[in-house]
Amino acid sequence: MKQKVIVFGGTFDPPHRAHTELPPQIAEQVGADKILYVIAALSPFKSQTPPTPAHHRLAMLRLATATIEQAEICEIELAREGPSFTIDTIEQLAQQYSSDVELRILIGADQAIAFHRWRDWQRIVELAPPLIMLRPPHTKKEVLDAIGTFVPKDDLAQWQSWILPLDMIDLSATELRDEQQRACLPLDSLLPTVRQYIEEHGLYNDQ
């Protein structure tokens, strides 16, 4: 039986509840053995907004995932220059892991809708079929309708099976940065392991 590894990439700027609570739910549903958190150097879709320095994001991610048994942090994108393209990471991971490992890439509904914009997205699907997390305001029908604009009709049933039900956590890293700046959100309830780090290092105060 193949080992199943979920590949979950992002800038994690900062890591938040959706990053730490949803992937384990998916792992349980699909019987995954490991959640590989791949921290990006620079997202090609966020090149106009420089991320927080990598050492801070890495430190926060380690704190946030410390209690997740299946979690492992992957730094291969930090070792590459320029934007972090998922296809490069997936191909590298496919080479590193044996044929006894099944890779699945974990993405959100918003990413699924725009998946055709990803570099070599068909190759990504071939090497690491997506697992799609539904989050508000998106619906399953909306996501499938969008996917239907760039995949053959005969493939939609397969994509539908990749959309998995989850507890809904309507929370984004951008919103967290804004709330941290305004100091009007009890971040202890959202980032219990990283709030102290954020405050100690003065992160996001100028955003």
N, C-alpha and C. Protein backbone atom coordinates (compact mmCIF):
# COMPACT_ATOMS: atom_id res chain seq x y z
N MET A 1 0.85 -1.20 0.00
CA MET A 1 0.00 0.00 0.00
C MET A 1 0.88 1.25 0.00
N LYS A 2 0.56 2.19 -0.88
CA LYS A 2 1.36 3.39 -0.99
C LYS A 2 1.19 4.31 0.21
N GLN A 3 2.30 4.96 0.59
CA GLN A 3 2.21 6.03 1.57
C GLN A 3 1.63 7.25 0.88
N LYS A 4 0.71 7.94 1.55
CA LYS A 4 0.07 9.11 0.95
C LYS A 4 0.60 10.38 1.64
N VAL A 5 1.13 11.29 0.81
CA VAL A 5 1.70 12.54 1.32
C VAL A 5 0.94 13.72 0.73
N ILE A 6 0.40 14.56 1.59
CA ILE A 6 -0.28 15.78 1.18
C ILE A 6 0.75 16.90 1.09
N VAL A 7 0.79 17.58 -0.04
CA VAL A 7 1.70 18.70 -0.24
C VAL A 7 0.89 19.99 -0.11
N PHE A 8 1.21 20.78 0.90
CA PHE A 8 0.44 21.99 1.20
C PHE A 8 1.40 23.18 1.19
N GLY A 9 1.34 23.97 0.12
CA GLY A 9 2.26 25.08 -0.03
C GLY A 9 1.65 26.42 0.29
N GLY A 10 2.50 27.39 0.60
CA GLY A 10 2.03 28.74 0.86
C GLY A 10 3.16 29.60 1.40
N THR A 11 2.88 30.90 1.48
CA THR A 11 3.86 31.79 2.09
C THR A 11 3.78 31.74 3.61
N PHE A 12 2.60 31.34 4.14
CA PHE A 12 2.39 31.24 5.58
C PHE A 12 2.83 32.53 6.26
N ASP A 13 2.14 33.60 5.88
CA ASP A 13 2.55 34.96 6.23
C ASP A 13 1.39 35.75 6.83
N PRO A 14 0.96 35.46 8.07
CA PRO A 14 1.48 34.44 8.99
C PRO A 14 0.68 33.15 8.89
N PRO A 15 1.16 32.06 9.49
CA PRO A 15 0.33 30.85 9.56
C PRO A 15 -0.86 31.11 10.48
N HIS A 16 -2.02 30.54 10.12
CA HIS A 16 -3.23 30.78 10.92
C HIS A 16 -4.05 29.51 11.05
N ARG A 17 -5.21 29.62 11.66
CA ARG A 17 -6.01 28.43 11.99
C ARG A 17 -6.37 27.60 10.76
N ALA A 18 -6.65 28.24 9.65
CA ALA A 18 -6.99 27.47 8.45
C ALA A 18 -5.81 26.61 8.01
N HIS A 19 -4.60 27.10 8.23
CA HIS A 19 -3.41 26.35 7.85
C HIS A 19 -3.19 25.14 8.75
N THR A 20 -3.59 25.26 10.00
CA THR A 20 -3.29 24.20 10.96
C THR A 20 -4.45 23.28 11.25
N GLU A 21 -5.68 23.73 11.02
CA GLU A 21 -6.85 22.91 11.35
C GLU A 21 -7.41 22.16 10.14
N LEU A 22 -7.36 22.77 8.97
CA LEU A 22 -7.97 22.13 7.81
C LEU A 22 -7.14 20.98 7.22
N PRO A 23 -5.82 21.14 7.03
CA PRO A 23 -5.06 20.01 6.48
C PRO A 23 -5.18 18.71 7.26
N PRO A 24 -5.17 18.74 8.60
CA PRO A 24 -5.37 17.47 9.31
C PRO A 24 -6.75 16.85 9.05
N GLN A 25 -7.77 17.69 8.85
CA GLN A 25 -9.08 17.16 8.50
C GLN A 25 -9.02 16.41 7.17
N ILE A 26 -8.35 17.02 6.21
CA ILE A 26 -8.19 16.39 4.90
C ILE A 26 -7.39 15.10 5.03
N ALA A 27 -6.31 15.15 5.80
CA ALA A 27 -5.47 13.97 5.98
C ALA A 27 -6.27 12.81 6.55
N GLU A 28 -7.15 13.11 7.48
CA GLU A 28 -7.98 12.05 8.07
C GLU A 28 -8.95 11.48 7.04
N GLN A 29 -9.54 12.36 6.23
CA GLN A 29 -10.52 11.91 5.25
C GLN A 29 -9.90 11.00 4.19
N VAL A 30 -8.70 11.33 3.75
CA VAL A 30 -8.09 10.58 2.65
C VAL A 30 -7.07 9.55 3.13
N GLY A 31 -6.86 9.46 4.45
CA GLY A 31 -5.92 8.50 4.98
C GLY A 31 -4.48 8.83 4.68
N ALA A 32 -4.14 10.12 4.75
CA ALA A 32 -2.76 10.53 4.45
C ALA A 32 -1.85 10.27 5.65
N ASP A 33 -0.62 9.94 5.33
CA ASP A 33 0.38 9.65 6.37
C ASP A 33 1.16 10.88 6.78
N LYS A 34 1.25 11.86 5.89
CA LYS A 34 2.08 13.03 6.16
C LYS A 34 1.48 14.26 5.50
N ILE A 35 1.63 15.41 6.18
CA ILE A 35 1.28 16.71 5.60
C ILE A 35 2.59 17.48 5.43
N LEU A 36 2.98 17.70 4.19
CA LEU A 36 4.23 18.38 3.90
C LEU A 36 3.94 19.87 3.68
N TYR A 37 4.31 20.68 4.65
CA TYR A 37 4.11 22.13 4.54
C TYR A 37 5.29 22.71 3.76
N VAL A 38 5.01 23.16 2.54
CA VAL A 38 6.08 23.71 1.68
C VAL A 38 6.02 25.23 1.74
N ILE A 39 7.00 25.83 2.39
CA ILE A 39 7.00 27.28 2.56
C ILE A 39 7.64 27.95 1.35
N ALA A 40 6.91 28.87 0.75
CA ALA A 40 7.35 29.51 -0.49
C ALA A 40 8.30 30.66 -0.21
N ALA A 41 9.27 30.83 -1.11
CA ALA A 41 10.13 32.01 -1.04
C ALA A 41 9.35 33.23 -1.50
N LEU A 42 8.67 33.09 -2.64
CA LEU A 42 7.88 34.17 -3.21
C LEU A 42 6.84 33.58 -4.13
N SER A 43 5.56 33.84 -3.85
CA SER A 43 4.50 33.35 -4.70
C SER A 43 4.49 34.12 -6.01
N PRO A 44 4.36 33.44 -7.17
CA PRO A 44 4.28 34.16 -8.44
C PRO A 44 3.03 35.01 -8.56
N PHE A 45 2.03 34.76 -7.72
CA PHE A 45 0.80 35.54 -7.75
C PHE A 45 0.83 36.70 -6.75
N LYS A 46 1.91 36.82 -5.98
CA LYS A 46 2.01 37.88 -4.98
C LYS A 46 3.33 38.63 -5.11
N SER A 47 3.85 38.71 -6.33
CA SER A 47 5.19 39.27 -6.53
C SER A 47 5.25 40.76 -6.24
N GLN A 48 4.09 41.43 -6.23
CA GLN A 48 4.09 42.87 -5.94
C GLN A 48 4.09 43.15 -4.45
N THR A 49 3.89 42.12 -3.65
CA THR A 49 3.86 42.29 -2.20
C THR A 49 4.93 41.42 -1.57
N PRO A 50 6.09 41.97 -1.30
CA PRO A 50 7.17 41.17 -0.71
C PRO A 50 6.72 40.53 0.60
N PRO A 51 7.02 39.25 0.78
CA PRO A 51 6.60 38.57 2.02
C PRO A 51 7.49 38.96 3.19
N THR A 52 7.02 38.63 4.37
CA THR A 52 7.84 38.75 5.56
C THR A 52 9.09 37.89 5.37
N PRO A 53 10.25 38.32 5.86
CA PRO A 53 11.47 37.53 5.67
C PRO A 53 11.26 36.05 6.02
N ALA A 54 11.90 35.21 5.23
CA ALA A 54 11.65 33.76 5.32
C ALA A 54 11.94 33.20 6.70
N HIS A 55 12.97 33.71 7.39
CA HIS A 55 13.31 33.12 8.69
C HIS A 55 12.20 33.35 9.70
N HIS A 56 11.48 34.47 9.59
CA HIS A 56 10.35 34.71 10.49
C HIS A 56 9.18 33.79 10.13
N ARG A 57 8.89 33.66 8.86
CA ARG A 57 7.76 32.80 8.45
C ARG A 57 8.05 31.34 8.81
N LEU A 58 9.29 30.94 8.65
CA LEU A 58 9.67 29.57 8.99
C LEU A 58 9.54 29.33 10.49
N ALA A 59 9.98 30.28 11.27
CA ALA A 59 9.88 30.15 12.73
C ALA A 59 8.42 30.08 13.17
N MET A 60 7.57 30.94 12.59
CA MET A 60 6.15 30.92 12.95
C MET A 60 5.49 29.61 12.52
N LEU A 61 5.86 29.11 11.35
CA LEU A 61 5.26 27.86 10.87
C LEU A 61 5.67 26.69 11.76
N ARG A 62 6.90 26.69 12.23
CA ARG A 62 7.34 25.63 13.14
C ARG A 62 6.53 25.68 14.43
N LEU A 63 6.28 26.87 14.93
CA LEU A 63 5.48 27.01 16.14
C LEU A 63 4.04 26.54 15.89
N ALA A 64 3.48 26.94 14.76
CA ALA A 64 2.09 26.64 14.46
C ALA A 64 1.83 25.16 14.24
N THR A 65 2.81 24.45 13.71
CA THR A 65 2.61 23.04 13.37
C THR A 65 3.21 22.08 14.39
N ALA A 66 3.72 22.62 15.49
CA ALA A 66 4.45 21.79 16.45
C ALA A 66 3.60 20.65 17.01
N THR A 67 2.30 20.85 17.11
CA THR A 67 1.44 19.83 17.72
C THR A 67 0.73 18.97 16.68
N ILE A 68 1.02 19.18 15.39
CA ILE A 68 0.39 18.37 14.35
C ILE A 68 1.28 17.17 14.06
N GLU A 69 0.81 16.01 14.43
CA GLU A 69 1.63 14.80 14.37
C GLU A 69 2.14 14.50 12.97
N GLN A 70 1.28 14.71 11.95
CA GLN A 70 1.67 14.34 10.58
C GLN A 70 2.48 15.41 9.88
N ALA A 71 2.65 16.58 10.52
CA ALA A 71 3.25 17.73 9.83
C ALA A 71 4.75 17.60 9.69
N GLU A 72 5.23 17.99 8.50
CA GLU A 72 6.66 18.11 8.24
C GLU A 72 6.86 19.35 7.38
N ILE A 73 7.84 20.18 7.73
CA ILE A 73 8.09 21.41 6.99
C ILE A 73 9.16 21.17 5.94
N CYS A 74 8.87 21.62 4.71
CA CYS A 74 9.78 21.44 3.58
C CYS A 74 10.29 22.82 3.14
N GLU A 75 11.60 22.97 3.04
CA GLU A 75 12.21 24.27 2.74
C GLU A 75 12.81 24.34 1.34
N ILE A 76 12.45 23.41 0.45
CA ILE A 76 13.13 23.37 -0.85
C ILE A 76 12.88 24.62 -1.68
N GLU A 77 11.73 25.27 -1.51
CA GLU A 77 11.48 26.47 -2.29
C GLU A 77 12.31 27.65 -1.79
N LEU A 78 12.65 27.65 -0.52
CA LEU A 78 13.49 28.72 0.02
C LEU A 78 14.90 28.65 -0.55
N ALA A 79 15.29 27.47 -1.02
CA ALA A 79 16.64 27.29 -1.57
C ALA A 79 16.72 27.72 -3.03
N ARG A 80 15.56 27.97 -3.66
CA ARG A 80 15.56 28.39 -5.06
C ARG A 80 15.43 29.90 -5.17
N GLU A 81 15.97 30.47 -6.21
CA GLU A 81 15.85 31.91 -6.44
C GLU A 81 14.59 32.20 -7.24
N GLY A 82 14.05 33.39 -7.05
CA GLY A 82 12.89 33.81 -7.82
C GLY A 82 11.59 33.24 -7.29
N PRO A 83 10.48 33.46 -8.04
CA PRO A 83 9.17 32.96 -7.62
C PRO A 83 9.14 31.45 -7.46
N SER A 84 8.29 30.98 -6.57
CA SER A 84 8.16 29.54 -6.30
C SER A 84 7.04 28.96 -7.16
N PHE A 85 7.41 28.24 -8.21
CA PHE A 85 6.40 27.61 -9.06
C PHE A 85 6.15 26.19 -8.56
N THR A 86 4.87 25.88 -8.37
CA THR A 86 4.49 24.60 -7.79
C THR A 86 4.98 23.42 -8.61
N ILE A 87 4.96 23.54 -9.93
CA ILE A 87 5.38 22.41 -10.77
C ILE A 87 6.82 22.03 -10.48
N ASP A 88 7.69 23.01 -10.24
CA ASP A 88 9.09 22.72 -9.94
C ASP A 88 9.20 21.92 -8.63
N THR A 89 8.40 22.33 -7.66
CA THR A 89 8.41 21.65 -6.36
C THR A 89 7.88 20.23 -6.48
N ILE A 90 6.76 20.08 -7.18
CA ILE A 90 6.15 18.75 -7.31
C ILE A 90 7.08 17.80 -8.05
N GLU A 91 7.72 18.28 -9.10
CA GLU A 91 8.64 17.42 -9.84
C GLU A 91 9.84 17.02 -8.97
N GLN A 92 10.33 17.97 -8.18
CA GLN A 92 11.45 17.66 -7.30
C GLN A 92 11.04 16.65 -6.23
N LEU A 93 9.87 16.83 -5.66
CA LEU A 93 9.39 15.89 -4.65
C LEU A 93 9.15 14.51 -5.25
N ALA A 94 8.61 14.48 -6.46
CA ALA A 94 8.36 13.19 -7.12
C ALA A 94 9.66 12.42 -7.34
N GLN A 95 10.75 13.16 -7.58
CA GLN A 95 12.05 12.52 -7.75
C GLN A 95 12.60 12.05 -6.41
N GLN A 96 12.33 12.81 -5.35
CA GLN A 96 12.87 12.47 -4.04
C GLN A 96 12.17 11.26 -3.42
N TYR A 97 10.85 11.20 -3.61
CA TYR A 97 10.09 10.11 -3.03
C TYR A 97 10.12 8.89 -3.95
N SER A 98 9.95 7.72 -3.35
CA SER A 98 9.93 6.50 -4.14
C SER A 98 8.57 6.33 -4.82
N SER A 99 8.47 5.33 -5.67
CA SER A 99 7.22 5.05 -6.37
C SER A 99 6.15 4.54 -5.43
N ASP A 100 6.53 4.24 -4.19
CA ASP A 100 5.57 3.77 -3.19
C ASP A 100 4.86 4.91 -2.48
N VAL A 101 5.14 6.15 -2.91
CA VAL A 101 4.52 7.33 -2.29
C VAL A 101 3.57 7.99 -3.28
N GLU A 102 2.36 8.26 -2.81
CA GLU A 102 1.37 8.98 -3.61
C GLU A 102 1.32 10.43 -3.14
N LEU A 103 1.60 11.36 -4.03
CA LEU A 103 1.56 12.78 -3.70
C LEU A 103 0.20 13.35 -4.06
N ARG A 104 -0.34 14.19 -3.18
CA ARG A 104 -1.58 14.93 -3.45
C ARG A 104 -1.35 16.38 -3.04
N ILE A 105 -1.65 17.30 -3.94
CA ILE A 105 -1.48 18.71 -3.62
C ILE A 105 -2.78 19.26 -3.03
N LEU A 106 -2.66 19.96 -1.92
CA LEU A 106 -3.81 20.51 -1.22
C LEU A 106 -3.96 21.99 -1.58
N ILE A 107 -5.14 22.35 -2.11
CA ILE A 107 -5.39 23.73 -2.53
C ILE A 107 -6.76 24.18 -2.04
N GLY A 108 -6.95 25.49 -1.99
CA GLY A 108 -8.23 26.05 -1.62
C GLY A 108 -9.13 26.20 -2.83
N ALA A 109 -10.41 26.49 -2.59
CA ALA A 109 -11.37 26.65 -3.67
C ALA A 109 -10.97 27.78 -4.61
N ASP A 110 -10.45 28.88 -4.05
CA ASP A 110 -10.05 30.00 -4.89
C ASP A 110 -8.89 29.61 -5.81
N GLN A 111 -8.00 28.76 -5.31
CA GLN A 111 -6.89 28.29 -6.14
C GLN A 111 -7.38 27.32 -7.21
N ALA A 112 -8.36 26.49 -6.87
CA ALA A 112 -8.91 25.55 -7.84
C ALA A 112 -9.56 26.28 -9.01
N ILE A 113 -10.26 27.36 -8.71
CA ILE A 113 -10.93 28.14 -9.75
C ILE A 113 -9.92 28.72 -10.73
N ALA A 114 -8.76 29.08 -10.23
CA ALA A 114 -7.73 29.69 -11.08
C ALA A 114 -6.61 28.72 -11.42
N PHE A 115 -6.85 27.43 -11.30
CA PHE A 115 -5.78 26.45 -11.43
C PHE A 115 -5.17 26.46 -12.83
N HIS A 116 -5.94 26.83 -13.83
CA HIS A 116 -5.42 26.86 -15.20
C HIS A 116 -4.37 27.95 -15.40
N ARG A 117 -4.25 28.85 -14.44
CA ARG A 117 -3.24 29.90 -14.52
C ARG A 117 -1.89 29.42 -13.97
N TRP A 118 -1.89 28.28 -13.31
CA TRP A 118 -0.65 27.76 -12.75
C TRP A 118 0.23 27.20 -13.86
N ARG A 119 1.51 27.38 -13.74
CA ARG A 119 2.44 26.88 -14.74
C ARG A 119 2.35 25.35 -14.82
N ASP A 120 2.17 24.81 -16.03
CA ASP A 120 2.12 23.36 -16.28
C ASP A 120 1.13 22.66 -15.36
N TRP A 121 -0.08 23.23 -15.24
CA TRP A 121 -1.04 22.69 -14.29
C TRP A 121 -1.45 21.25 -14.61
N GLN A 122 -1.48 20.91 -15.91
CA GLN A 122 -1.83 19.53 -16.26
C GLN A 122 -0.80 18.54 -15.72
N ARG A 123 0.46 18.93 -15.74
CA ARG A 123 1.52 18.07 -15.21
C ARG A 123 1.41 17.95 -13.70
N ILE A 124 1.02 19.03 -13.04
CA ILE A 124 0.80 18.97 -11.60
C ILE A 124 -0.28 17.93 -11.28
N VAL A 125 -1.38 17.98 -12.04
CA VAL A 125 -2.48 17.02 -11.83
C VAL A 125 -2.00 15.59 -12.04
N GLU A 126 -1.13 15.41 -13.01
CA GLU A 126 -0.60 14.08 -13.30
C GLU A 126 0.25 13.54 -12.15
N LEU A 127 1.08 14.41 -11.57
CA LEU A 127 2.02 13.97 -10.53
C LEU A 127 1.42 14.00 -9.13
N ALA A 128 0.53 14.95 -8.88
CA ALA A 128 -0.04 15.13 -7.54
C ALA A 128 -1.47 15.64 -7.67
N PRO A 129 -2.44 14.75 -7.92
CA PRO A 129 -3.83 15.18 -8.10
C PRO A 129 -4.30 16.05 -6.94
N PRO A 130 -5.05 17.11 -7.24
CA PRO A 130 -5.46 18.06 -6.19
C PRO A 130 -6.45 17.47 -5.19
N LEU A 131 -6.38 18.00 -4.00
CA LEU A 131 -7.42 17.88 -2.98
C LEU A 131 -7.89 19.30 -2.72
N ILE A 132 -9.17 19.55 -2.86
CA ILE A 132 -9.68 20.92 -2.86
C ILE A 132 -10.49 21.19 -1.59
N MET A 133 -10.10 22.23 -0.87
CA MET A 133 -10.81 22.64 0.34
C MET A 133 -11.82 23.73 0.01
N LEU A 134 -13.07 23.49 0.33
CA LEU A 134 -14.10 24.51 0.14
C LEU A 134 -14.08 25.48 1.31
N ARG A 135 -14.03 26.77 0.97
CA ARG A 135 -14.11 27.80 2.00
C ARG A 135 -15.02 28.91 1.50
N PRO A 136 -15.77 29.54 2.40
CA PRO A 136 -16.63 30.63 1.97
C PRO A 136 -15.82 31.74 1.33
N PRO A 137 -16.37 32.44 0.35
CA PRO A 137 -17.77 32.41 -0.07
C PRO A 137 -18.04 31.43 -1.20
N HIS A 138 -17.10 30.56 -1.55
CA HIS A 138 -17.26 29.66 -2.68
C HIS A 138 -18.19 28.49 -2.34
N THR A 139 -18.89 27.99 -3.37
CA THR A 139 -19.72 26.80 -3.24
C THR A 139 -19.18 25.72 -4.16
N LYS A 140 -19.61 24.48 -3.92
CA LYS A 140 -19.13 23.37 -4.74
C LYS A 140 -19.53 23.58 -6.20
N LYS A 141 -20.76 24.03 -6.44
CA LYS A 141 -21.21 24.26 -7.81
C LYS A 141 -20.39 25.34 -8.49
N GLU A 142 -20.11 26.41 -7.77
CA GLU A 142 -19.32 27.50 -8.34
C GLU A 142 -17.93 27.00 -8.74
N VAL A 143 -17.33 26.21 -7.87
CA VAL A 143 -15.99 25.70 -8.15
C VAL A 143 -16.01 24.77 -9.37
N LEU A 144 -16.99 23.87 -9.42
CA LEU A 144 -17.07 22.94 -10.55
C LEU A 144 -17.36 23.67 -11.85
N ASP A 145 -18.22 24.69 -11.80
CA ASP A 145 -18.52 25.47 -13.01
C ASP A 145 -17.25 26.14 -13.53
N ALA A 146 -16.44 26.67 -12.62
CA ALA A 146 -15.19 27.33 -13.02
C ALA A 146 -14.21 26.32 -13.59
N ILE A 147 -14.08 25.18 -12.94
CA ILE A 147 -13.17 24.15 -13.42
C ILE A 147 -13.60 23.65 -14.79
N GLY A 148 -14.90 23.61 -15.01
CA GLY A 148 -15.43 23.15 -16.29
C GLY A 148 -15.07 24.03 -17.46
N THR A 149 -14.56 25.23 -17.19
CA THR A 149 -14.16 26.11 -18.29
C THR A 149 -12.77 25.77 -18.82
N PHE A 150 -12.02 24.92 -18.09
CA PHE A 150 -10.67 24.62 -18.58
C PHE A 150 -10.32 23.13 -18.54
N VAL A 151 -11.24 22.28 -18.10
CA VAL A 151 -10.99 20.83 -18.18
C VAL A 151 -12.11 20.19 -19.00
N PRO A 152 -11.83 19.08 -19.67
CA PRO A 152 -12.86 18.40 -20.45
C PRO A 152 -14.02 17.95 -19.57
N LYS A 153 -15.19 17.93 -20.16
CA LYS A 153 -16.40 17.57 -19.42
C LYS A 153 -16.27 16.19 -18.78
N ASP A 154 -15.62 15.28 -19.48
CA ASP A 154 -15.48 13.92 -18.98
C ASP A 154 -14.61 13.85 -17.72
N ASP A 155 -13.83 14.89 -17.47
CA ASP A 155 -12.95 14.90 -16.30
C ASP A 155 -13.59 15.53 -15.06
N LEU A 156 -14.77 16.13 -15.22
CA LEU A 156 -15.39 16.86 -14.11
C LEU A 156 -15.76 15.96 -12.94
N ALA A 157 -16.19 14.74 -13.24
CA ALA A 157 -16.55 13.83 -12.16
C ALA A 157 -15.34 13.54 -11.26
N GLN A 158 -14.18 13.41 -11.90
CA GLN A 158 -12.96 13.19 -11.13
C GLN A 158 -12.64 14.40 -10.27
N TRP A 159 -12.73 15.59 -10.84
CA TRP A 159 -12.47 16.81 -10.08
C TRP A 159 -13.48 16.95 -8.94
N GLN A 160 -14.73 16.59 -9.19
CA GLN A 160 -15.74 16.69 -8.14
C GLN A 160 -15.37 15.81 -6.94
N SER A 161 -14.81 14.65 -7.22
CA SER A 161 -14.42 13.75 -6.13
C SER A 161 -13.25 14.31 -5.33
N TRP A 162 -12.54 15.26 -5.90
CA TRP A 162 -11.41 15.86 -5.20
C TRP A 162 -11.82 17.02 -4.30
N ILE A 163 -13.07 17.44 -4.36
CA ILE A 163 -13.58 18.51 -3.50
C ILE A 163 -14.10 17.87 -2.22
N LEU A 164 -13.51 18.25 -1.09
CA LEU A 164 -13.82 17.57 0.17
C LEU A 164 -14.49 18.50 1.17
N PRO A 165 -15.52 18.00 1.88
CA PRO A 165 -16.21 18.82 2.89
C PRO A 165 -15.33 19.05 4.10
N LEU A 166 -15.43 20.27 4.65
CA LEU A 166 -14.60 20.67 5.78
C LEU A 166 -15.39 21.58 6.70
N ASP A 167 -14.92 21.71 7.93
CA ASP A 167 -15.41 22.79 8.77
C ASP A 167 -14.97 24.10 8.14
N MET A 168 -15.87 25.05 8.03
CA MET A 168 -15.56 26.29 7.35
C MET A 168 -14.87 27.28 8.30
N ILE A 169 -13.70 27.73 7.90
CA ILE A 169 -12.97 28.74 8.65
C ILE A 169 -12.71 29.89 7.69
N ASP A 170 -13.48 30.95 7.80
CA ASP A 170 -13.36 32.07 6.88
C ASP A 170 -12.31 33.04 7.41
N LEU A 171 -11.07 32.78 7.06
CA LEU A 171 -9.97 33.51 7.65
C LEU A 171 -8.84 33.56 6.65
N SER A 172 -8.27 34.73 6.43
CA SER A 172 -7.14 34.84 5.51
C SER A 172 -5.96 35.48 6.21
N ALA A 173 -4.77 35.20 5.72
CA ALA A 173 -3.56 35.77 6.32
C ALA A 173 -3.56 37.29 6.19
N THR A 174 -4.07 37.82 5.07
CA THR A 174 -4.13 39.27 4.90
C THR A 174 -5.00 39.91 5.96
N GLU A 175 -6.16 39.29 6.24
CA GLU A 175 -7.03 39.82 7.28
C GLU A 175 -6.34 39.80 8.63
N LEU A 176 -5.59 38.75 8.90
CA LEU A 176 -4.88 38.67 10.18
C LEU A 176 -3.85 39.78 10.31
N ARG A 177 -3.14 40.07 9.23
CA ARG A 177 -2.15 41.13 9.29
C ARG A 177 -2.83 42.47 9.58
N ASP A 178 -3.97 42.72 8.92
CA ASP A 178 -4.69 43.96 9.15
C ASP A 178 -5.17 44.06 10.59
N GLU A 179 -5.71 42.96 11.13
CA GLU A 179 -6.22 42.99 12.49
C GLU A 179 -5.09 43.16 13.50
N GLN A 180 -3.94 42.55 13.22
CA GLN A 180 -2.80 42.72 14.11
C GLN A 180 -2.39 44.18 14.15
N GLN A 181 -2.45 44.84 13.01
CA GLN A 181 -2.07 46.25 12.97
C GLN A 181 -3.06 47.10 13.77
N ARG A 182 -4.36 46.80 13.65
CA ARG A 182 -5.38 47.59 14.35
C ARG A 182 -5.55 47.17 15.80
N ALA A 183 -4.95 46.01 16.16
CA ALA A 183 -5.02 45.52 17.54
C ALA A 183 -6.46 45.41 18.02
N CYS A 184 -7.38 44.98 17.15
CA CYS A 184 -8.78 44.90 17.54
C CYS A 184 -9.31 43.47 17.45
N LEU A 185 -8.42 42.50 17.30
CA LEU A 185 -8.83 41.11 17.21
C LEU A 185 -8.08 40.30 18.25
N PRO A 186 -8.76 39.44 19.02
CA PRO A 186 -8.06 38.63 20.02
C PRO A 186 -7.27 37.52 19.34
N LEU A 187 -6.04 37.82 18.93
CA LEU A 187 -5.26 36.87 18.16
C LEU A 187 -4.88 35.63 18.95
N ASP A 188 -4.99 35.68 20.28
CA ASP A 188 -4.72 34.47 21.05
C ASP A 188 -5.65 33.35 20.63
N SER A 189 -6.87 33.68 20.22
CA SER A 189 -7.82 32.65 19.83
C SER A 189 -7.57 32.17 18.41
N LEU A 190 -6.76 32.90 17.65
CA LEU A 190 -6.50 32.53 16.26
C LEU A 190 -5.10 31.96 16.07
N LEU A 191 -4.13 32.53 16.75
CA LEU A 191 -2.74 32.11 16.61
C LEU A 191 -2.12 31.90 17.98
N PRO A 192 -2.59 30.94 18.73
CA PRO A 192 -2.13 30.79 20.10
C PRO A 192 -0.64 30.51 20.23
N THR A 193 -0.02 29.95 19.20
CA THR A 193 1.40 29.62 19.30
C THR A 193 2.33 30.64 18.66
N VAL A 194 1.77 31.57 17.89
CA VAL A 194 2.64 32.50 17.18
C VAL A 194 2.41 33.97 17.52
N ARG A 195 1.35 34.28 18.27
CA ARG A 195 1.10 35.69 18.56
C ARG A 195 2.27 36.31 19.31
N GLN A 196 2.80 35.58 20.28
CA GLN A 196 3.93 36.12 21.03
C GLN A 196 5.12 36.40 20.12
N TYR A 197 5.35 35.50 19.16
CA TYR A 197 6.45 35.71 18.22
C TYR A 197 6.20 36.97 17.39
N ILE A 198 4.98 37.13 16.90
CA ILE A 198 4.62 38.30 16.10
C ILE A 198 4.87 39.59 16.89
N GLU A 199 4.46 39.59 18.13
CA GLU A 199 4.60 40.80 18.95
C GLU A 199 6.06 41.05 19.33
N GLU A 200 6.78 39.98 19.66
CA GLU A 200 8.17 40.14 20.07
C GLU A 200 9.03 40.70 18.94
N HIS A 201 8.68 40.34 17.69
CA HIS A 201 9.50 40.77 16.56
C HIS A 201 8.88 41.95 15.80
N GLY A 202 7.75 42.46 16.29
CA GLY A 202 7.15 43.63 15.68
C GLY A 202 6.71 43.41 14.25
N LEU A 203 6.21 42.22 13.93
CA LEU A 203 5.83 41.92 12.55
C LEU A 203 4.48 42.53 12.20
N TYR A 204 4.34 42.96 10.96
CA TYR A 204 3.10 43.46 10.35
C TYR A 204 2.66 44.83 10.88
N ASN A 205 3.42 45.45 11.74
CA ASN A 205 3.00 46.74 12.27
C ASN A 205 3.05 47.86 11.25
N ASP A 206 3.79 47.64 10.14
CA ASP A 206 3.91 48.71 9.14
C ASP A 206 3.08 48.40 7.91
N GLN A 207 2.14 47.42 8.00
CA GLN A 207 1.34 47.04 6.82
C GLN A 207 -0.08 47.49 6.98
